[in-house]
Amino acid sequence: MVCCHNKRDERCGVLGPQLAQWLAELLRRRGLGAGAASVLQISHIGGHKYAGNVIVYRPGQPGHGDWFGRDDALRSPALRPHWRGRLGLSKAEQLELFAATRGECQRHGDQDIEELA
């Protein structure tokens, strides 16, 4: 799901449709058509300063989506710096997941993902 909302902040309205088109083309080239994967253009999901915003839901994990920010995030081979959290987890769980995937073991208290990225 790609934020394409343009009423609150034009960054998502400009970058979102371009990113959605790029993702749809990527899926098509990889043979992932209807039924296997889809790209949806949605309205406001917040985080305009991270435009274009994408939430990725994976099969078998209802209610758990990974949130990515920045227009070039999905074009980058290293997505970690663009990861902004996972739906369905508490803030503490998200911070622990983020730290674990970076090889860090310490707890992070009240920090935000942006402070760790």
Protein backbone atom coordinates (compact mmCIF):
# COMPACT_ATOMS: atom_id res chain seq x y z
CA MET A 1 0.00 0.00 0.00
CA VAL A 2 1.50 3.29 -1.14
CA CYS A 3 0.41 6.64 0.30
CA CYS A 4 -0.69 8.86 -2.59
CA HIS A 5 -2.50 11.47 -0.48
CA ASN A 6 -2.00 14.97 -1.86
CA LYS A 7 -4.36 17.14 0.19
CA ARG A 8 -2.28 17.39 3.37
CA ASP A 9 1.23 17.37 1.89
CA GLU A 10 2.02 17.19 -1.79
CA ARG A 11 5.13 15.03 -1.27
CA CYS A 12 3.02 11.87 -1.01
CA GLY A 13 0.78 13.05 -3.84
CA VAL A 14 3.77 13.51 -6.14
CA LEU A 15 6.04 10.65 -5.06
CA GLY A 16 3.37 8.09 -4.17
CA PRO A 17 1.90 7.48 -7.65
CA GLN A 18 5.41 7.24 -9.15
CA LEU A 19 6.45 4.72 -6.52
CA ALA A 20 3.21 2.73 -6.94
CA GLN A 21 3.78 2.54 -10.70
CA TRP A 22 7.39 1.42 -10.20
CA LEU A 23 6.31 -1.28 -7.71
CA ALA A 24 3.55 -2.55 -10.03
CA GLU A 25 6.05 -2.80 -12.88
CA LEU A 26 8.53 -4.62 -10.62
CA LEU A 27 5.86 -7.16 -9.65
CA ARG A 28 4.89 -7.64 -13.29
CA ARG A 29 8.52 -8.26 -14.33
CA ARG A 30 8.87 -10.84 -11.57
CA GLY A 31 5.70 -12.63 -12.64
CA LEU A 32 3.74 -11.68 -9.52
CA GLY A 33 0.41 -10.71 -11.01
CA ALA A 34 -3.07 -10.50 -9.56
CA GLY A 35 -3.61 -12.94 -6.74
CA ALA A 36 0.09 -13.20 -5.85
CA ALA A 37 0.73 -9.56 -4.97
CA SER A 38 -0.84 -6.18 -5.56
CA VAL A 39 0.01 -2.52 -5.25
CA LEU A 40 -2.68 -0.29 -3.80
CA GLN A 41 -2.71 3.50 -3.78
CA ILE A 42 -4.17 4.69 -0.49
CA SER A 43 -4.85 7.98 1.26
CA HIS A 44 -3.16 9.47 4.30
CA ILE A 45 -1.15 7.10 6.50
CA GLY A 46 0.98 9.77 8.18
CA GLY A 47 4.70 10.43 8.09
CA HIS A 48 4.74 12.82 5.13
CA LYS A 49 8.34 13.79 5.84
CA TYR A 50 9.22 10.20 4.88
CA ALA A 51 7.39 10.31 1.51
CA GLY A 52 6.84 8.03 -0.32
CA ASN A 53 5.41 5.83 2.38
CA VAL A 54 4.76 2.13 1.83
CA ILE A 55 3.19 -0.46 4.10
CA VAL A 56 3.95 -4.06 3.12
CA TYR A 57 1.68 -6.85 4.36
CA ARG A 58 2.90 -10.42 3.95
CA PRO A 59 0.73 -13.53 3.57
CA GLY A 60 0.02 -15.37 6.79
CA GLN A 61 0.63 -12.35 8.99
CA PRO A 62 -2.69 -10.50 9.16
CA GLY A 63 -2.48 -7.20 10.96
CA HIS A 64 1.31 -7.11 10.76
CA GLY A 65 2.76 -4.79 8.16
CA ASP A 66 6.21 -3.32 7.71
CA TRP A 67 6.32 0.41 7.13
CA PHE A 68 8.97 1.91 4.85
CA GLY A 69 9.65 5.58 4.22
CA ARG A 70 11.55 7.63 1.63
CA ASP A 71 10.94 7.57 -2.10
CA ASP A 72 14.01 5.52 -2.88
CA ALA A 73 13.58 3.00 -0.05
CA LEU A 74 12.32 0.10 -2.12
CA ARG A 75 14.81 0.76 -4.90
CA SER A 76 17.67 0.48 -2.43
CA PRO A 77 19.38 -2.86 -1.81
CA ALA A 78 19.50 -2.05 1.91
CA LEU A 79 16.01 -1.33 3.24
CA ARG A 80 16.88 -1.20 6.94
CA PRO A 81 17.58 2.57 7.09
CA HIS A 82 14.12 3.21 5.63
CA TRP A 83 12.18 0.90 7.96
CA ARG A 84 9.85 2.94 10.20
CA GLY A 85 8.17 0.19 12.21
CA ARG A 86 5.87 -2.82 12.12
CA LEU A 87 2.14 -2.71 12.68
CA GLY A 88 0.87 -5.07 15.36
CA LEU A 89 3.88 -4.58 17.65
CA SER A 90 4.25 -2.26 20.61
CA LYS A 91 6.82 0.53 20.41
CA ALA A 92 9.17 -1.48 22.66
CA GLU A 93 8.77 -4.60 20.49
CA GLN A 94 9.51 -2.59 17.34
CA LEU A 95 12.67 -1.16 18.89
CA GLU A 96 13.81 -4.60 19.98
CA LEU A 97 13.14 -6.03 16.50
CA PHE A 98 15.04 -3.16 14.88
CA ALA A 99 17.99 -3.60 17.24
CA ALA A 100 18.02 -7.38 16.79
CA THR A 101 18.22 -7.10 13.02
CA ARG A 102 21.18 -4.75 13.42
CA GLY A 103 22.97 -7.13 15.78
CA GLU A 104 22.38 -4.98 18.85
CA CYS A 105 21.20 -6.56 22.08
CA GLN A 106 20.68 -3.66 24.47
CA ARG A 107 17.26 -2.28 25.37
CA HIS A 108 16.42 1.17 24.07
CA GLY A 109 13.97 2.60 26.59
CA ASP A 110 11.86 5.41 25.18
CA GLN A 111 13.87 6.04 22.01
CA ASP A 112 12.27 6.24 18.58
CA ILE A 113 13.29 4.26 15.51
CA GLU A 114 14.64 7.48 13.97
CA GLU A 115 17.10 7.82 16.86
CA LEU A 116 18.51 4.36 16.13
CA ALA A 117 18.57 4.43 12.32
